[in-house]
Amino acid sequence: MGLGVLSGIVSIAGTVAGGYAADYWARSDVRNYASVAAAPQLIAIPLFVVGLIWPGAVGALLLMTLPTFLPR
C-alpha cells in the first residue's frame, strides 16, 4: 500500500513539474511542448531497462520508480 501511495504522490509531482516546464519552454516556441513531453521518456526507458537487470531488489525498485518523478 505504501508503494502505491508513494508512486501516486511522485507521479502527481512529476505531472505538475512537467506542466510548468512545458509552459516555461513553450514561451519561445510552441513546438517545445512536444520536446518537454519526449525528453523524460528518453530518460525513463534506459532507467527502466537497467532496473530490470539490476541484481538487488531495492536498487531495481528505485531505478524503475525514479522515472515516475520525471515531468510528463
N, C-alpha and C. Protein backbone atom coordinates (compact mmCIF):
# COMPACT_ATOMS: atom_id res chain seq x y z
N MET A 1 0.82 -1.18 0.00
CA MET A 1 0.00 0.00 0.00
C MET A 1 0.87 1.25 0.00
N GLY A 2 1.95 1.22 0.76
CA GLY A 2 2.84 2.38 0.83
C GLY A 2 3.46 2.70 -0.51
N LEU A 3 3.81 1.67 -1.27
CA LEU A 3 4.41 1.89 -2.59
C LEU A 3 3.41 2.55 -3.53
N GLY A 4 2.16 2.16 -3.46
CA GLY A 4 1.14 2.76 -4.30
C GLY A 4 0.92 4.23 -3.97
N VAL A 5 0.88 4.55 -2.69
CA VAL A 5 0.70 5.94 -2.27
C VAL A 5 1.90 6.77 -2.69
N LEU A 6 3.11 6.25 -2.46
CA LEU A 6 4.32 6.96 -2.85
C LEU A 6 4.37 7.17 -4.36
N SER A 7 4.03 6.15 -5.11
CA SER A 7 4.03 6.26 -6.56
C SER A 7 3.01 7.30 -7.03
N GLY A 8 1.86 7.35 -6.41
CA GLY A 8 0.86 8.34 -6.76
C GLY A 8 1.31 9.76 -6.48
N ILE A 9 1.90 9.97 -5.33
CA ILE A 9 2.38 11.30 -4.96
C ILE A 9 3.49 11.76 -5.90
N VAL A 10 4.42 10.86 -6.18
CA VAL A 10 5.53 11.21 -7.06
C VAL A 10 5.04 11.45 -8.49
N SER A 11 4.06 10.68 -8.93
CA SER A 11 3.51 10.88 -10.28
C SER A 11 2.81 12.24 -10.39
N ILE A 12 2.08 12.61 -9.36
CA ILE A 12 1.42 13.92 -9.37
C ILE A 12 2.45 15.04 -9.41
N ALA A 13 3.51 14.90 -8.61
CA ALA A 13 4.56 15.92 -8.61
C ALA A 13 5.24 16.02 -9.98
N GLY A 14 5.47 14.88 -10.63
CA GLY A 14 6.07 14.89 -11.95
C GLY A 14 5.17 15.52 -13.00
N THR A 15 3.88 15.28 -12.89
CA THR A 15 2.93 15.86 -13.84
C THR A 15 2.86 17.37 -13.68
N VAL A 16 2.83 17.84 -12.44
CA VAL A 16 2.79 19.29 -12.19
C VAL A 16 4.09 19.94 -12.67
N ALA A 17 5.22 19.32 -12.36
CA ALA A 17 6.51 19.86 -12.80
C ALA A 17 6.59 19.89 -14.33
N GLY A 18 6.06 18.86 -14.98
CA GLY A 18 6.05 18.83 -16.43
C GLY A 18 5.20 19.93 -17.04
N GLY A 19 4.09 20.22 -16.42
CA GLY A 19 3.23 21.30 -16.90
C GLY A 19 3.92 22.65 -16.81
N TYR A 20 4.55 22.90 -15.67
CA TYR A 20 5.27 24.16 -15.53
C TYR A 20 6.45 24.25 -16.49
N ALA A 21 7.18 23.13 -16.65
CA ALA A 21 8.32 23.13 -17.57
C ALA A 21 7.86 23.35 -19.01
N ALA A 22 6.78 22.71 -19.40
CA ALA A 22 6.28 22.88 -20.77
C ALA A 22 5.83 24.31 -21.02
N ASP A 23 5.13 24.89 -20.06
CA ASP A 23 4.69 26.28 -20.22
C ASP A 23 5.88 27.23 -20.30
N TYR A 24 6.90 26.97 -19.50
CA TYR A 24 8.09 27.83 -19.49
C TYR A 24 8.82 27.75 -20.83
N TRP A 25 9.07 26.54 -21.31
CA TRP A 25 9.84 26.36 -22.55
C TRP A 25 9.03 26.73 -23.78
N ALA A 26 7.72 26.66 -23.72
CA ALA A 26 6.89 26.97 -24.88
C ALA A 26 6.73 28.48 -25.08
N ARG A 27 7.23 29.27 -24.17
CA ARG A 27 7.15 30.73 -24.36
C ARG A 27 7.92 31.15 -25.61
N SER A 28 9.04 30.49 -25.86
CA SER A 28 9.86 30.87 -27.00
C SER A 28 9.38 30.21 -28.30
N ASP A 29 8.87 28.98 -28.21
CA ASP A 29 8.42 28.27 -29.41
C ASP A 29 7.39 27.22 -28.99
N VAL A 30 6.25 27.20 -29.65
CA VAL A 30 5.16 26.29 -29.30
C VAL A 30 5.58 24.83 -29.48
N ARG A 31 6.51 24.56 -30.38
CA ARG A 31 6.95 23.19 -30.62
C ARG A 31 7.67 22.59 -29.41
N ASN A 32 8.07 23.42 -28.48
CA ASN A 32 8.76 22.91 -27.29
C ASN A 32 7.84 22.11 -26.38
N TYR A 33 6.53 22.23 -26.54
CA TYR A 33 5.62 21.38 -25.78
C TYR A 33 5.92 19.91 -26.06
N ALA A 34 6.16 19.57 -27.31
CA ALA A 34 6.47 18.19 -27.67
C ALA A 34 7.83 17.77 -27.15
N SER A 35 8.79 18.67 -27.16
CA SER A 35 10.13 18.34 -26.66
C SER A 35 10.11 18.06 -25.17
N VAL A 36 9.35 18.85 -24.44
CA VAL A 36 9.26 18.65 -22.99
C VAL A 36 8.58 17.31 -22.68
N ALA A 37 7.66 16.91 -23.50
CA ALA A 37 6.98 15.62 -23.29
C ALA A 37 7.86 14.44 -23.69
N ALA A 38 8.70 14.60 -24.70
CA ALA A 38 9.52 13.49 -25.21
C ALA A 38 10.79 13.27 -24.39
N ALA A 39 11.39 14.31 -23.88
CA ALA A 39 12.67 14.19 -23.18
C ALA A 39 12.62 13.25 -21.97
N PRO A 40 11.61 13.34 -21.09
CA PRO A 40 11.59 12.42 -19.94
C PRO A 40 11.44 10.96 -20.36
N GLN A 41 10.75 10.72 -21.47
CA GLN A 41 10.60 9.34 -21.93
C GLN A 41 11.93 8.78 -22.40
N LEU A 42 12.73 9.61 -23.03
CA LEU A 42 14.05 9.17 -23.47
C LEU A 42 14.97 8.87 -22.28
N ILE A 43 14.73 9.52 -21.16
CA ILE A 43 15.49 9.24 -19.94
C ILE A 43 14.92 8.03 -19.22
N ALA A 44 13.62 7.88 -19.24
CA ALA A 44 12.97 6.81 -18.47
C ALA A 44 13.23 5.42 -19.04
N ILE A 45 13.31 5.29 -20.34
CA ILE A 45 13.47 3.97 -20.94
C ILE A 45 14.76 3.29 -20.50
N PRO A 46 15.93 3.95 -20.58
CA PRO A 46 17.14 3.27 -20.10
C PRO A 46 17.12 2.97 -18.61
N LEU A 47 16.55 3.87 -17.81
CA LEU A 47 16.47 3.62 -16.36
C LEU A 47 15.63 2.38 -16.07
N PHE A 48 14.54 2.22 -16.77
CA PHE A 48 13.68 1.07 -16.57
C PHE A 48 14.38 -0.22 -17.00
N VAL A 49 15.07 -0.19 -18.12
CA VAL A 49 15.78 -1.37 -18.60
C VAL A 49 16.89 -1.76 -17.62
N VAL A 50 17.63 -0.79 -17.12
CA VAL A 50 18.68 -1.08 -16.13
C VAL A 50 18.04 -1.63 -14.85
N GLY A 51 16.88 -1.10 -14.47
CA GLY A 51 16.18 -1.62 -13.30
C GLY A 51 15.76 -3.07 -13.47
N LEU A 52 15.43 -3.47 -14.68
CA LEU A 52 15.04 -4.85 -14.92
C LEU A 52 16.20 -5.83 -14.74
N ILE A 53 17.42 -5.39 -15.03
CA ILE A 53 18.57 -6.30 -14.92
C ILE A 53 19.38 -6.06 -13.65
N TRP A 54 18.96 -5.12 -12.81
CA TRP A 54 19.69 -4.82 -11.57
C TRP A 54 19.62 -6.02 -10.63
N PRO A 55 20.74 -6.40 -9.99
CA PRO A 55 20.74 -7.61 -9.15
C PRO A 55 19.98 -7.48 -7.83
N GLY A 56 19.91 -6.30 -7.25
CA GLY A 56 19.25 -6.14 -5.96
C GLY A 56 17.84 -5.60 -6.11
N ALA A 57 16.95 -6.00 -5.21
CA ALA A 57 15.55 -5.59 -5.29
C ALA A 57 15.36 -4.11 -5.01
N VAL A 58 16.08 -3.58 -4.02
CA VAL A 58 15.90 -2.17 -3.65
C VAL A 58 16.39 -1.26 -4.78
N GLY A 59 17.56 -1.56 -5.31
CA GLY A 59 18.09 -0.76 -6.42
C GLY A 59 17.21 -0.84 -7.64
N ALA A 60 16.71 -2.03 -7.94
CA ALA A 60 15.83 -2.20 -9.10
C ALA A 60 14.54 -1.40 -8.91
N LEU A 61 13.99 -1.44 -7.71
CA LEU A 61 12.76 -0.70 -7.44
C LEU A 61 12.99 0.81 -7.59
N LEU A 62 14.10 1.29 -7.10
CA LEU A 62 14.40 2.71 -7.24
C LEU A 62 14.59 3.11 -8.69
N LEU A 63 15.30 2.28 -9.44
CA LEU A 63 15.54 2.61 -10.85
C LEU A 63 14.25 2.58 -11.67
N MET A 64 13.33 1.71 -11.32
CA MET A 64 12.09 1.61 -12.09
C MET A 64 11.04 2.63 -11.65
N THR A 65 11.13 3.13 -10.43
CA THR A 65 10.15 4.13 -10.00
C THR A 65 10.67 5.56 -10.15
N LEU A 66 11.96 5.74 -10.30
CA LEU A 66 12.52 7.07 -10.48
C LEU A 66 11.92 7.80 -11.68
N PRO A 67 11.71 7.14 -12.79
CA PRO A 67 11.11 7.85 -13.94
C PRO A 67 9.72 8.40 -13.69
N THR A 68 9.01 7.92 -12.68
CA THR A 68 7.68 8.46 -12.43
C THR A 68 7.74 9.91 -11.93
N PHE A 69 8.90 10.33 -11.41
CA PHE A 69 9.04 11.69 -10.95
C PHE A 69 9.37 12.66 -12.08
N LEU A 70 9.81 12.13 -13.21
CA LEU A 70 10.15 12.99 -14.33
C LEU A 70 8.89 13.69 -14.84
N PRO A 71 9.04 14.91 -15.28
CA PRO A 71 7.87 15.63 -15.80
C PRO A 71 7.23 14.90 -16.97
N ARG A 72 5.91 14.95 -17.05
CA ARG A 72 5.19 14.29 -18.14
C ARG A 72 4.44 15.28 -18.94
